Amino acid sequence: MAKNARVFQPPSLADLYRKHESLRVWRVKSLKRHHEKSRRLRQRRNFKRYRIRIIARLPGVTVWSIDADALREGLEKGDVDFTMGGHGYTHLYIPPNEIWIANDLRRRSVVPTIWHEYFERLLMRGGMHYNTAHSLASRLEITHREGTYFVLPVGTHHQREDGFCLPATLKIYLSYLGRNFSEGHLARLCKTTVENGTDPINVVTAVRRLGFRVQHRGRPLMLREIQRYCSAAGAKGKERKELTNQVRRQAGTVRVHQAWTAAEVKKSLKKGRPVLANIQLSREYKSGHYLVVIGYTSNTFVVSDPNDDNGYREIPIPEFMKLWYELEDGTVREGFTISS
């Protein structure tokens, strides 16, 4: 289209854009001011009547299918936000904890659109300018539309030193939930040390102290698994026997008894819940590591790894499942999901 292109607009709508320019996202000076403006608008009109049904629940957000035709008919009543496009305007009538999806949206566009809106809102809530937030959310949307990957909008953070993978991973996870904590603060809450890392039970305690809910799953290593993994770690003779007994004692203290499966990880991701996993980086003893599973393809898991220079990497699912145990903690397929 030419640089100076024009488009027809009915006289009755000619001045509409200018009159309502104050509703544009970048005109909202603060989230507090926006929420107050939104509250007043919703008090005047019952926009909730456009809801049809709940189609998804994401962390802190309910996604509704709405009657798009009925909503568009509200133009003459001042409902300009929806008619002029949700991306350039703030949906003042939508409660902050909801996302509305038009019921006439093509089925294949629903999931990419939901994640675009969710991520965009998350970024703007953190103070990001709309233009930047929209650009990043669009990248996520394109990934979902292409169809090879399902991936959540989870960031990265590089751990500051050895043994601090858990606080770094926890920082990544809680940032996804819209809460920002320093790695040092989380390390203190989790009683993390360079020498011993983090005890899994301290993860549960720390997360609950911060006001979140946590689901902790996994199971103890069984004797035959302990023997096999200690052998794979290179221990021989007396050393192997001592290591086996040490891991066996630790496994006896494990309080969870339901391990994750690959299918359950994918199901959790579809619900918007990453899985914080406690795995082995290698077969060697003392090579346990925490990372966040944030997405998948047909044969790989996508992870946010605080020990990886690129932040993200892909691991073949069979390889990941084989390394999803932890000798020091005596656990198999141990992981956490966190929610507000």
C-alpha atoms as a PDB file:
ATOM      1  CA  MET A   1       0.000   0.000   0.000  1.00  0.00           C
ATOM      2  CA  ALA A   2       1.275   3.482  -0.874  1.00  0.00           C
ATOM      3  CA  LYS A   3       2.737   5.631   1.870  1.00  0.00           C
ATOM      4  CA  ASN A   4       0.025   8.286   1.491  1.00  0.00           C
ATOM      5  CA  ALA A   5      -2.837   5.806   1.017  1.00  0.00           C
ATOM      6  CA  ARG A   6      -6.296   6.737   2.286  1.00  0.00           C
ATOM      7  CA  VAL A   7      -9.319   4.734   3.247  1.00  0.00           C
ATOM      8  CA  PHE A   8     -13.003   5.593   3.177  1.00  0.00           C
ATOM      9  CA  GLN A   9     -14.660   6.355   6.485  1.00  0.00           C
ATOM     10  CA  PRO A  10     -18.336   7.287   6.971  1.00  0.00           C
ATOM     11  CA  PRO A  11     -18.834  10.893   8.143  1.00  0.00           C
ATOM     12  CA  SER A  12     -20.494   9.663  11.330  1.00  0.00           C
ATOM     13  CA  LEU A  13     -17.263   7.928  12.313  1.00  0.00           C
ATOM     14  CA  ALA A  14     -14.798  10.499  11.012  1.00  0.00           C
ATOM     15  CA  ASP A  15     -13.989  12.033  14.402  1.00  0.00           C
ATOM     16  CA  LEU A  16     -14.353   8.883  16.494  1.00  0.00           C
ATOM     17  CA  TYR A  17     -10.679   7.993  16.584  1.00  0.00           C
ATOM     18  CA  ARG A  18      -9.573  11.407  17.846  1.00  0.00           C
ATOM     19  CA  LYS A  19     -12.336  11.643  20.437  1.00  0.00           C
ATOM     20  CA  HIS A  20     -11.360   8.357  22.023  1.00  0.00           C
ATOM     21  CA  GLU A  21      -7.611   8.582  21.601  1.00  0.00           C
ATOM     22  CA  SER A  22      -7.253   8.902  25.378  1.00  0.00           C
ATOM     23  CA  LEU A  23      -8.252   5.242  25.647  1.00  0.00           C
ATOM     24  CA  ARG A  24      -5.137   4.112  23.824  1.00  0.00           C
ATOM     25  CA  VAL A  25      -2.796   1.978  25.885  1.00  0.00           C
ATOM     26  CA  TRP A  26       0.160   4.343  25.684  1.00  0.00           C
ATOM     27  CA  ARG A  27      -2.036   7.178  26.998  1.00  0.00           C
ATOM     28  CA  VAL A  28      -2.647   5.344  30.264  1.00  0.00           C
ATOM     29  CA  LYS A  29      -0.131   6.823  32.687  1.00  0.00           C
ATOM     30  CA  SER A  30      -0.375   4.143  35.361  1.00  0.00           C
ATOM     31  CA  LEU A  31      -1.991   0.760  35.936  1.00  0.00           C
ATOM     32  CA  LYS A  32      -3.750   2.140  39.020  1.00  0.00           C
ATOM     33  CA  ARG A  33      -5.335   4.918  36.959  1.00  0.00           C
ATOM     34  CA  HIS A  34      -6.359   2.463  34.254  1.00  0.00           C
ATOM     35  CA  HIS A  35      -8.004   0.089  36.747  1.00  0.00           C
ATOM     36  CA  GLU A  36      -9.956   2.958  38.291  1.00  0.00           C
ATOM     37  CA  LYS A  37     -11.152   4.091  34.862  1.00  0.00           C
ATOM     38  CA  SER A  38     -12.052   0.513  34.007  1.00  0.00           C
ATOM     39  CA  ARG A  39     -13.996   0.074  37.258  1.00  0.00           C
ATOM     40  CA  ARG A  40     -16.097   3.185  36.611  1.00  0.00           C
ATOM     41  CA  LEU A  41     -16.908   2.078  33.064  1.00  0.00           C
ATOM     42  CA  ARG A  42     -17.977  -1.397  34.185  1.00  0.00           C
ATOM     43  CA  GLN A  43     -20.228   0.098  36.853  1.00  0.00           C
ATOM     44  CA  ARG A  44     -22.114   2.077  34.212  1.00  0.00           C
ATOM     45  CA  ARG A  45     -22.680  -0.846  31.868  1.00  0.00           C
ATOM     46  CA  ASN A  46     -23.010  -4.576  32.447  1.00  0.00           C
ATOM     47  CA  PHE A  47     -20.458  -5.867  29.962  1.00  0.00           C
ATOM     48  CA  LYS A  48     -20.428  -9.252  31.704  1.00  0.00           C
ATOM     49  CA  ARG A  49     -23.692 -10.096  29.959  1.00  0.00           C
ATOM     50  CA  TYR A  50     -21.697 -10.760  26.792  1.00  0.00           C
ATOM     51  CA  ARG A  51     -20.009 -13.820  28.327  1.00  0.00           C
ATOM     52  CA  ILE A  52     -20.963 -17.201  26.885  1.00  0.00           C
ATOM     53  CA  ARG A  53     -18.734 -19.797  28.542  1.00  0.00           C
ATOM     54  CA  ILE A  54     -15.320 -20.358  30.084  1.00  0.00           C
ATOM     55  CA  ILE A  55     -12.902 -21.864  27.561  1.00  0.00           C
ATOM     56  CA  ALA A  56      -9.659 -21.883  29.572  1.00  0.00           C
ATOM     57  CA  ARG A  57      -8.118 -21.108  32.939  1.00  0.00           C
ATOM     58  CA  LEU A  58      -4.567 -19.775  33.078  1.00  0.00           C
ATOM     59  CA  PRO A  59      -2.513 -18.607  36.077  1.00  0.00           C
ATOM     60  CA  GLY A  60      -4.526 -15.744  37.571  1.00  0.00           C
ATOM     61  CA  VAL A  61      -6.782 -15.452  34.509  1.00  0.00           C
ATOM     62  CA  THR A  62     -10.084 -16.925  33.300  1.00  0.00           C
ATOM     63  CA  VAL A  63     -10.625 -16.997  29.527  1.00  0.00           C
ATOM     64  CA  TRP A  64     -14.199 -16.445  28.300  1.00  0.00           C
ATOM     65  CA  SER A  65     -15.823 -16.914  24.910  1.00  0.00           C
ATOM     66  CA  ILE A  66     -17.986 -13.846  24.330  1.00  0.00           C
ATOM     67  CA  ASP A  67     -20.861 -12.893  22.025  1.00  0.00           C
ATOM     68  CA  ALA A  68     -18.901 -10.835  19.503  1.00  0.00           C
ATOM     69  CA  ASP A  69     -21.902  -9.662  17.466  1.00  0.00           C
ATOM     70  CA  ALA A  70     -23.734  -8.365  20.533  1.00  0.00           C
ATOM     71  CA  LEU A  71     -20.628  -6.588  21.742  1.00  0.00           C
ATOM     72  CA  ARG A  72     -20.020  -4.884  18.408  1.00  0.00           C
ATOM     73  CA  GLU A  73     -23.556  -3.569  18.442  1.00  0.00           C
ATOM     74  CA  GLY A  74     -22.573  -1.472  21.439  1.00  0.00           C
ATOM     75  CA  LEU A  75     -20.709   1.050  19.297  1.00  0.00           C
ATOM     76  CA  GLU A  76     -23.456   3.658  19.499  1.00  0.00           C
ATOM     77  CA  LYS A  77     -23.397   3.309  23.299  1.00  0.00           C
ATOM     78  CA  GLY A  78     -19.755   4.272  23.485  1.00  0.00           C
ATOM     79  CA  ASP A  79     -18.213   0.808  23.283  1.00  0.00           C
ATOM     80  CA  VAL A  80     -15.345   1.837  21.027  1.00  0.00           C
ATOM     81  CA  ASP A  81     -12.637  -0.342  22.543  1.00  0.00           C
ATOM     82  CA  PHE A  82     -13.724  -3.609  20.992  1.00  0.00           C
ATOM     83  CA  THR A  83     -14.781  -2.172  17.641  1.00  0.00           C
ATOM     84  CA  MET A  84     -11.510  -0.345  17.083  1.00  0.00           C
ATOM     85  CA  GLY A  85      -9.365  -3.365  17.906  1.00  0.00           C
ATOM     86  CA  GLY A  86      -8.087  -4.804  21.137  1.00  0.00           C
ATOM     87  CA  HIS A  87      -4.412  -4.430  20.275  1.00  0.00           C
ATOM     88  CA  GLY A  88      -4.341  -0.645  19.979  1.00  0.00           C
ATOM     89  CA  TYR A  89      -6.781  -0.091  22.817  1.00  0.00           C
ATOM     90  CA  THR A  90      -7.249  -1.173  26.382  1.00  0.00           C
ATOM     91  CA  HIS A  91     -10.370  -3.281  26.893  1.00  0.00           C
ATOM     92  CA  LEU A  92     -11.674  -1.120  29.712  1.00  0.00           C
ATOM     93  CA  TYR A  93     -14.758  -3.247  30.277  1.00  0.00           C
ATOM     94  CA  ILE A  94     -12.866  -6.525  30.737  1.00  0.00           C
ATOM     95  CA  PRO A  95     -12.049  -7.377  34.376  1.00  0.00           C
ATOM     96  CA  PRO A  96      -8.278  -7.473  34.983  1.00  0.00           C
ATOM     97  CA  ASN A  97      -8.401 -11.212  35.745  1.00  0.00           C
ATOM     98  CA  GLU A  98     -10.205 -12.166  32.514  1.00  0.00           C
ATOM     99  CA  ILE A  99      -9.426 -12.532  28.810  1.00  0.00           C
ATOM    100  CA  TRP A 100     -12.300 -12.341  26.303  1.00  0.00           C
ATOM    101  CA  ILE A 101     -12.163 -14.201  23.001  1.00  0.00           C
ATOM    102  CA  ALA A 102     -14.713 -13.531  20.258  1.00  0.00           C
ATOM    103  CA  ASN A 103     -16.925 -16.565  19.639  1.00  0.00           C
ATOM    104  CA  ASP A 104     -16.619 -16.106  15.870  1.00  0.00           C
ATOM    105  CA  LEU A 105     -12.825 -16.341  15.901  1.00  0.00           C
ATOM    106  CA  ARG A 106     -11.542 -19.191  13.752  1.00  0.00           C
ATOM    107  CA  ARG A 107     -10.888 -22.271  15.860  1.00  0.00           C
ATOM    108  CA  ARG A 108      -7.220 -22.556  14.892  1.00  0.00           C
ATOM    109  CA  SER A 109      -6.674 -18.943  15.976  1.00  0.00           C
ATOM    110  CA  VAL A 110      -8.107 -19.308  19.479  1.00  0.00           C
ATOM    111  CA  VAL A 111      -5.067 -20.747  21.284  1.00  0.00           C
ATOM    112  CA  PRO A 112      -2.491 -18.406  19.655  1.00  0.00           C
ATOM    113  CA  THR A 113      -4.735 -15.418  20.434  1.00  0.00           C
ATOM    114  CA  ILE A 114      -5.229 -16.444  24.054  1.00  0.00           C
ATOM    115  CA  TRP A 115      -1.502 -16.707  24.628  1.00  0.00           C
ATOM    116  CA  HIS A 116      -0.835 -13.422  22.824  1.00  0.00           C
ATOM    117  CA  GLU A 117      -3.303 -11.596  25.072  1.00  0.00           C
ATOM    118  CA  TYR A 118      -2.080 -13.333  28.223  1.00  0.00           C
ATOM    119  CA  PHE A 119       1.597 -12.580  27.585  1.00  0.00           C
ATOM    120  CA  GLU A 120       0.943  -9.014  26.448  1.00  0.00           C
ATOM    121  CA  ARG A 121      -1.027  -8.291  29.609  1.00  0.00           C
ATOM    122  CA  LEU A 122       1.628  -9.914  31.783  1.00  0.00           C
ATOM    123  CA  LEU A 123       4.363  -7.747  30.275  1.00  0.00           C
ATOM    124  CA  MET A 124       2.365  -4.524  30.548  1.00  0.00           C
ATOM    125  CA  ARG A 125       1.458  -5.287  34.140  1.00  0.00           C
ATOM    126  CA  GLY A 126       5.192  -5.341  34.777  1.00  0.00           C
ATOM    127  CA  GLY A 127       5.506  -1.828  33.346  1.00  0.00           C
ATOM    128  CA  MET A 128       6.481  -2.589  29.745  1.00  0.00           C
ATOM    129  CA  HIS A 129       5.325  -0.172  27.036  1.00  0.00           C
ATOM    130  CA  TYR A 130       2.533  -1.538  24.859  1.00  0.00           C
ATOM    131  CA  ASN A 131       4.550  -1.447  21.623  1.00  0.00           C
ATOM    132  CA  THR A 132       7.308  -3.633  23.080  1.00  0.00           C
ATOM    133  CA  ALA A 133       4.853  -5.945  24.818  1.00  0.00           C
ATOM    134  CA  HIS A 134       2.862  -6.381  21.626  1.00  0.00           C
ATOM    135  CA  SER A 135       5.999  -7.178  19.635  1.00  0.00           C
ATOM    136  CA  LEU A 136       7.064  -9.903  22.068  1.00  0.00           C
ATOM    137  CA  ALA A 137       3.551 -11.313  22.342  1.00  0.00           C
ATOM    138  CA  SER A 138       3.354 -11.441  18.551  1.00  0.00           C
ATOM    139  CA  ARG A 139       6.485 -13.589  18.433  1.00  0.00           C
ATOM    140  CA  LEU A 140       4.859 -16.019  20.841  1.00  0.00           C
ATOM    141  CA  GLU A 141       1.674 -15.984  18.774  1.00  0.00           C
ATOM    142  CA  ILE A 142       3.593 -16.749  15.577  1.00  0.00           C
ATOM    143  CA  THR A 143       5.263 -19.704  17.289  1.00  0.00           C
ATOM    144  CA  HIS A 144       1.877 -21.095  18.304  1.00  0.00           C
ATOM    145  CA  ARG A 145       0.351 -20.487  14.884  1.00  0.00           C
ATOM    146  CA  GLU A 146       3.196 -22.319  13.140  1.00  0.00           C
ATOM    147  CA  GLY A 147       2.198 -25.373  15.176  1.00  0.00           C
ATOM    148  CA  THR A 148       5.458 -27.267  15.732  1.00  0.00           C
ATOM    149  CA  TYR A 149       5.983 -25.933  19.246  1.00  0.00           C
ATOM    150  CA  PHE A 150       3.759 -25.382  22.231  1.00  0.00           C
ATOM    151  CA  VAL A 151       5.675 -23.040  24.519  1.00  0.00           C
ATOM    152  CA  LEU A 152       4.757 -20.854  27.481  1.00  0.00           C
ATOM    153  CA  PRO A 153       5.995 -17.236  27.778  1.00  0.00           C
ATOM    154  CA  VAL A 154       8.563 -18.032  30.455  1.00  0.00           C
ATOM    155  CA  GLY A 155      11.774 -16.010  30.641  1.00  0.00           C
ATOM    156  CA  THR A 156      15.349 -16.896  31.564  1.00  0.00           C
ATOM    157  CA  HIS A 157      17.844 -16.020  34.287  1.00  0.00           C
ATOM    158  CA  HIS A 158      21.432 -17.212  34.689  1.00  0.00           C
ATOM    159  CA  GLN A 159      22.341 -18.529  38.148  1.00  0.00           C
ATOM    160  CA  ARG A 160      24.999 -16.480  39.892  1.00  0.00           C
ATOM    161  CA  GLU A 161      27.086 -19.447  41.124  1.00  0.00           C
ATOM    162  CA  ASP A 162      27.208 -23.238  41.390  1.00  0.00           C
ATOM    163  CA  GLY A 163      24.586 -24.719  43.688  1.00  0.00           C
ATOM    164  CA  PHE A 164      22.153 -21.843  43.115  1.00  0.00           C
ATOM    165  CA  CYS A 165      20.180 -23.410  40.274  1.00  0.00           C
ATOM    166  CA  LEU A 166      17.040 -23.727  42.430  1.00  0.00           C
ATOM    167  CA  PRO A 167      16.745 -20.060  43.486  1.00  0.00           C
ATOM    168  CA  ALA A 168      17.525 -19.032  39.897  1.00  0.00           C
ATOM    169  CA  THR A 169      14.910 -21.435  38.544  1.00  0.00           C
ATOM    170  CA  LEU A 170      12.390 -20.299  41.141  1.00  0.00           C
ATOM    171  CA  LYS A 171      13.024 -16.691  40.110  1.00  0.00           C
ATOM    172  CA  ILE A 172      12.247 -17.661  36.497  1.00  0.00           C
ATOM    173  CA  TYR A 173       9.012 -19.391  37.512  1.00  0.00           C
ATOM    174  CA  LEU A 174       7.723 -16.656  39.829  1.00  0.00           C
ATOM    175  CA  SER A 175       8.509 -13.973  37.235  1.00  0.00           C
ATOM    176  CA  TYR A 176       6.202 -15.860  34.873  1.00  0.00           C
ATOM    177  CA  LEU A 177       3.519 -15.539  37.559  1.00  0.00           C
ATOM    178  CA  GLY A 178       4.103 -11.784  37.687  1.00  0.00           C
ATOM    179  CA  ARG A 179       6.194 -11.605  40.876  1.00  0.00           C
ATOM    180  CA  ASN A 180       9.836 -10.557  40.863  1.00  0.00           C
ATOM    181  CA  PHE A 181      12.228 -11.629  43.616  1.00  0.00           C
ATOM    182  CA  SER A 182      16.010 -11.505  43.745  1.00  0.00           C
ATOM    183  CA  GLU A 183      17.951 -14.747  43.475  1.00  0.00           C
ATOM    184  CA  GLY A 184      19.615 -13.961  46.800  1.00  0.00           C
ATOM    185  CA  HIS A 185      16.296 -13.528  48.615  1.00  0.00           C
ATOM    186  CA  LEU A 186      14.989 -16.820  47.243  1.00  0.00           C
ATOM    187  CA  ALA A 187      18.264 -18.557  48.155  1.00  0.00           C
ATOM    188  CA  ARG A 188      17.890 -17.438  51.767  1.00  0.00           C
ATOM    189  CA  LEU A 189      14.276 -18.609  51.913  1.00  0.00           C
ATOM    190  CA  CYS A 190      15.246 -21.995  50.438  1.00  0.00           C
ATOM    191  CA  LYS A 191      18.351 -22.309  52.670  1.00  0.00           C
ATOM    192  CA  THR A 192      20.486 -22.829  49.573  1.00  0.00           C
ATOM    193  CA  THR A 193      24.254 -23.280  49.895  1.00  0.00           C
ATOM    194  CA  VAL A 194      27.006 -23.590  47.292  1.00  0.00           C
ATOM    195  CA  GLU A 195      28.126 -26.881  48.848  1.00  0.00           C
ATOM    196  CA  ASN A 196      24.748 -28.631  49.163  1.00  0.00           C
ATOM    197  CA  GLY A 197      22.396 -26.810  46.818  1.00  0.00           C
ATOM    198  CA  THR A 198      18.737 -26.888  47.893  1.00  0.00           C
ATOM    199  CA  ASP A 199      16.705 -29.555  49.688  1.00  0.00           C
ATOM    200  CA  PRO A 200      13.434 -30.099  47.762  1.00  0.00           C
ATOM    201  CA  ILE A 201      11.311 -29.801  50.895  1.00  0.00           C
ATOM    202  CA  ASN A 202      12.681 -26.292  51.418  1.00  0.00           C
ATOM    203  CA  VAL A 203      11.263 -25.369  48.007  1.00  0.00           C
ATOM    204  CA  VAL A 204       7.752 -26.178  49.217  1.00  0.00           C
ATOM    205  CA  THR A 205       8.225 -24.226  52.453  1.00  0.00           C
ATOM    206  CA  ALA A 206       9.682 -21.166  50.708  1.00  0.00           C
ATOM    207  CA  VAL A 207       7.015 -21.001  48.007  1.00  0.00           C
ATOM    208  CA  ARG A 208       4.219 -21.202  50.571  1.00  0.00           C
ATOM    209  CA  ARG A 209       5.847 -18.493  52.687  1.00  0.00           C
ATOM    210  CA  LEU A 210       5.714 -16.235  49.638  1.00  0.00           C
ATOM    211  CA  GLY A 211       1.960 -16.783  49.409  1.00  0.00           C
ATOM    212  CA  PHE A 212       1.825 -19.243  46.510  1.00  0.00           C
ATOM    213  CA  ARG A 213       0.340 -22.694  46.231  1.00  0.00           C
ATOM    214  CA  VAL A 214       2.631 -25.523  45.214  1.00  0.00           C
ATOM    215  CA  GLN A 215       2.078 -29.039  43.930  1.00  0.00           C
ATOM    216  CA  HIS A 216       5.027 -31.302  44.751  1.00  0.00           C
ATOM    217  CA  ARG A 217       5.246 -34.651  42.965  1.00  0.00           C
ATOM    218  CA  GLY A 218       7.790 -37.436  42.581  1.00  0.00           C
ATOM    219  CA  ARG A 219       8.642 -40.694  44.313  1.00  0.00           C
ATOM    220  CA  PRO A 220      11.573 -42.303  46.159  1.00  0.00           C
ATOM    221  CA  LEU A 221      14.207 -44.236  44.250  1.00  0.00           C
ATOM    222  CA  MET A 222      13.729 -47.998  44.629  1.00  0.00           C
ATOM    223  CA  LEU A 223      16.646 -50.232  45.599  1.00  0.00           C
ATOM    224  CA  ARG A 224      17.174 -51.678  42.122  1.00  0.00           C
ATOM    225  CA  GLU A 225      17.173 -48.141  40.675  1.00  0.00           C
ATOM    226  CA  ILE A 226      19.642 -46.959  43.299  1.00  0.00           C
ATOM    227  CA  GLN A 227      21.987 -49.834  42.484  1.00  0.00           C
ATOM    228  CA  ARG A 228      21.735 -49.191  38.745  1.00  0.00           C
ATOM    229  CA  TYR A 229      22.244 -45.432  39.024  1.00  0.00           C
ATOM    230  CA  CYS A 230      25.132 -45.740  41.482  1.00  0.00           C
ATOM    231  CA  SER A 231      26.793 -48.128  39.047  1.00  0.00           C
ATOM    232  CA  ALA A 232      26.152 -45.688  36.178  1.00  0.00           C
ATOM    233  CA  ALA A 233      27.748 -42.955  38.310  1.00  0.00           C
ATOM    234  CA  GLY A 234      31.022 -44.899  38.148  1.00  0.00           C
ATOM    235  CA  ALA A 235      31.110 -46.051  41.775  1.00  0.00           C
ATOM    236  CA  LYS A 236      32.791 -49.435  42.298  1.00  0.00           C
ATOM    237  CA  GLY A 237      33.454 -51.861  45.121  1.00  0.00           C
ATOM    238  CA  LYS A 238      33.340 -50.347  48.601  1.00  0.00           C
ATOM    239  CA  GLU A 239      32.615 -46.869  47.218  1.00  0.00           C
ATOM    240  CA  ARG A 240      29.578 -48.184  45.368  1.00  0.00           C
ATOM    241  CA  LYS A 241      28.278 -49.923  48.488  1.00  0.00           C
ATOM    242  CA  GLU A 242      28.672 -46.768  50.585  1.00  0.00           C
ATOM    243  CA  LEU A 243      27.006 -44.615  47.945  1.00  0.00           C
ATOM    244  CA  THR A 244      24.138 -47.095  47.602  1.00  0.00           C
ATOM    245  CA  ASN A 245      23.514 -47.030  51.356  1.00  0.00           C
ATOM    246  CA  GLN A 246      23.719 -43.231  51.439  1.00  0.00           C
ATOM    247  CA  VAL A 247      21.191 -42.799  48.614  1.00  0.00           C
ATOM    248  CA  ARG A 248      18.966 -45.498  50.112  1.00  0.00           C
ATOM    249  CA  ARG A 249      18.827 -43.615  53.435  1.00  0.00           C
ATOM    250  CA  GLN A 250      17.988 -40.385  51.624  1.00  0.00           C
ATOM    251  CA  ALA A 251      15.264 -42.077  49.565  1.00  0.00           C
ATOM    252  CA  GLY A 252      13.689 -43.215  52.827  1.00  0.00           C
ATOM    253  CA  THR A 253      13.050 -39.571  53.760  1.00  0.00           C
ATOM    254  CA  VAL A 254      11.187 -38.695  50.536  1.00  0.00           C
ATOM    255  CA  ARG A 255       7.602 -37.621  51.310  1.00  0.00           C
ATOM    256  CA  VAL A 256       6.040 -37.783  47.843  1.00  0.00           C
ATOM    257  CA  HIS A 257       4.970 -40.959  46.059  1.00  0.00           C
ATOM    258  CA  GLN A 258       3.550 -40.011  42.637  1.00  0.00           C
ATOM    259  CA  ALA A 259       6.077 -39.412  39.867  1.00  0.00           C
ATOM    260  CA  TRP A 260       5.522 -37.238  36.815  1.00  0.00           C
ATOM    261  CA  THR A 261       5.034 -38.741  33.365  1.00  0.00           C
ATOM    262  CA  ALA A 262       5.794 -37.058  30.040  1.00  0.00           C
ATOM    263  CA  ALA A 263       2.068 -36.935  29.245  1.00  0.00           C
ATOM    264  CA  GLU A 264       1.322 -35.231  32.568  1.00  0.00           C
ATOM    265  CA  VAL A 265       4.028 -32.631  31.930  1.00  0.00           C
ATOM    266  CA  LYS A 266       2.421 -31.771  28.577  1.00  0.00           C
ATOM    267  CA  LYS A 267      -1.014 -31.610  30.196  1.00  0.00           C
ATOM    268  CA  SER A 268       0.307 -29.223  32.857  1.00  0.00           C
ATOM    269  CA  LEU A 269       1.887 -26.999  30.196  1.00  0.00           C
ATOM    270  CA  LYS A 270      -1.396 -26.848  28.272  1.00  0.00           C
ATOM    271  CA  LYS A 271      -2.968 -25.449  31.451  1.00  0.00           C
ATOM    272  CA  GLY A 272      -0.298 -22.745  31.599  1.00  0.00           C
ATOM    273  CA  ARG A 273       1.701 -24.391  34.386  1.00  0.00           C
ATOM    274  CA  PRO A 274       5.426 -24.947  33.766  1.00  0.00           C
ATOM    275  CA  VAL A 275       7.087 -27.810  35.634  1.00  0.00           C
ATOM    276  CA  LEU A 276      10.105 -27.080  37.834  1.00  0.00           C
ATOM    277  CA  ALA A 277      12.059 -30.336  37.517  1.00  0.00           C
ATOM    278  CA  ASN A 278      14.803 -31.840  39.695  1.00  0.00           C
ATOM    279  CA  ILE A 279      17.038 -33.821  37.320  1.00  0.00           C
ATOM    280  CA  GLN A 280      20.576 -35.105  36.772  1.00  0.00           C
ATOM    281  CA  LEU A 281      22.741 -33.122  34.345  1.00  0.00           C
ATOM    282  CA  SER A 282      24.764 -36.311  33.911  1.00  0.00           C
ATOM    283  CA  ARG A 283      25.017 -39.770  35.483  1.00  0.00           C
ATOM    284  CA  GLU A 284      27.676 -38.592  37.938  1.00  0.00           C
ATOM    285  CA  TYR A 285      26.924 -38.169  41.641  1.00  0.00           C
ATOM    286  CA  LYS A 286      26.465 -34.539  42.736  1.00  0.00           C
ATOM    287  CA  SER A 287      25.318 -33.459  39.275  1.00  0.00           C
ATOM    288  CA  GLY A 288      21.718 -32.751  40.261  1.00  0.00           C
ATOM    289  CA  HIS A 289      20.131 -29.691  38.700  1.00  0.00           C
ATOM    290  CA  TYR A 290      16.876 -27.701  38.690  1.00  0.00           C
ATOM    291  CA  LEU A 291      15.346 -26.268  35.513  1.00  0.00           C
ATOM    292  CA  VAL A 292      11.892 -25.333  34.196  1.00  0.00           C
ATOM    293  CA  VAL A 293      10.083 -27.286  31.480  1.00  0.00           C
ATOM    294  CA  ILE A 294       8.245 -24.591  29.506  1.00  0.00           C
ATOM    295  CA  GLY A 295       7.165 -26.259  26.264  1.00  0.00           C
ATOM    296  CA  TYR A 296       7.382 -29.204  23.927  1.00  0.00           C
ATOM    297  CA  THR A 297       7.379 -30.499  20.368  1.00  0.00           C
ATOM    298  CA  SER A 298       6.434 -33.995  19.259  1.00  0.00           C
ATOM    299  CA  ASN A 299       9.763 -35.355  20.513  1.00  0.00           C
ATOM    300  CA  THR A 300      11.487 -32.718  22.676  1.00  0.00           C
ATOM    301  CA  PHE A 301      10.944 -30.721  25.845  1.00  0.00           C
ATOM    302  CA  VAL A 302      11.822 -27.018  25.771  1.00  0.00           C
ATOM    303  CA  VAL A 303      13.430 -25.882  29.018  1.00  0.00           C
ATOM    304  CA  SER A 304      14.527 -22.635  30.617  1.00  0.00           C
ATOM    305  CA  ASP A 305      17.877 -23.601  32.129  1.00  0.00           C
ATOM    306  CA  PRO A 306      19.656 -21.221  34.554  1.00  0.00           C
ATOM    307  CA  ASN A 307      22.952 -22.971  33.797  1.00  0.00           C
ATOM    308  CA  ASP A 308      22.759 -22.592  30.015  1.00  0.00           C
ATOM    309  CA  ASP A 309      24.434 -19.622  28.324  1.00  0.00           C
ATOM    310  CA  ASN A 310      21.563 -19.301  25.837  1.00  0.00           C
ATOM    311  CA  GLY A 311      18.905 -19.572  28.540  1.00  0.00           C
ATOM    312  CA  TYR A 312      16.767 -21.985  26.543  1.00  0.00           C
ATOM    313  CA  ARG A 313      17.478 -25.431  25.147  1.00  0.00           C
ATOM    314  CA  GLU A 314      15.671 -28.468  23.820  1.00  0.00           C
ATOM    315  CA  ILE A 315      16.114 -31.969  25.219  1.00  0.00           C
ATOM    316  CA  PRO A 316      14.777 -35.119  23.519  1.00  0.00           C
ATOM    317  CA  ILE A 317      11.936 -36.399  25.703  1.00  0.00           C
ATOM    318  CA  PRO A 318      13.349 -39.958  26.077  1.00  0.00           C
ATOM    319  CA  GLU A 319      16.717 -38.521  27.175  1.00  0.00           C
ATOM    320  CA  PHE A 320      15.037 -36.124  29.607  1.00  0.00           C
ATOM    321  CA  MET A 321      12.964 -38.892  31.187  1.00  0.00           C
ATOM    322  CA  LYS A 322      16.059 -41.099  31.629  1.00  0.00           C
ATOM    323  CA  LEU A 323      17.852 -38.310  33.492  1.00  0.00           C
ATOM    324  CA  TRP A 324      14.843 -37.296  35.570  1.00  0.00           C
ATOM    325  CA  TYR A 325      16.102 -38.644  38.886  1.00  0.00           C
ATOM    326  CA  GLU A 326      18.351 -37.207  41.575  1.00  0.00           C
ATOM    327  CA  LEU A 327      20.837 -39.343  43.518  1.00  0.00           C
ATOM    328  CA  GLU A 328      21.562 -36.839  46.296  1.00  0.00           C
ATOM    329  CA  ASP A 329      17.847 -36.365  47.011  1.00  0.00           C
ATOM    330  CA  GLY A 330      16.897 -40.001  46.339  1.00  0.00           C
ATOM    331  CA  THR A 331      14.033 -39.050  44.014  1.00  0.00           C
ATOM    332  CA  VAL A 332      12.569 -40.051  40.644  1.00  0.00           C
ATOM    333  CA  ARG A 333      10.734 -37.621  38.345  1.00  0.00           C
ATOM    334  CA  GLU A 334      10.378 -35.037  41.064  1.00  0.00           C
ATOM    335  CA  GLY A 335       8.908 -31.694  40.080  1.00  0.00           C
ATOM    336  CA  PHE A 336       6.824 -28.753  41.213  1.00  0.00           C
ATOM    337  CA  THR A 337       4.073 -26.589  39.783  1.00  0.00           C
ATOM    338  CA  ILE A 338       3.293 -23.240  41.394  1.00  0.00           C
ATOM    339  CA  SER A 339       0.154 -21.124  41.258  1.00  0.00           C
ATOM    340  CA  SER A 340      -1.136 -17.909  42.814  1.00  0.00           C
END
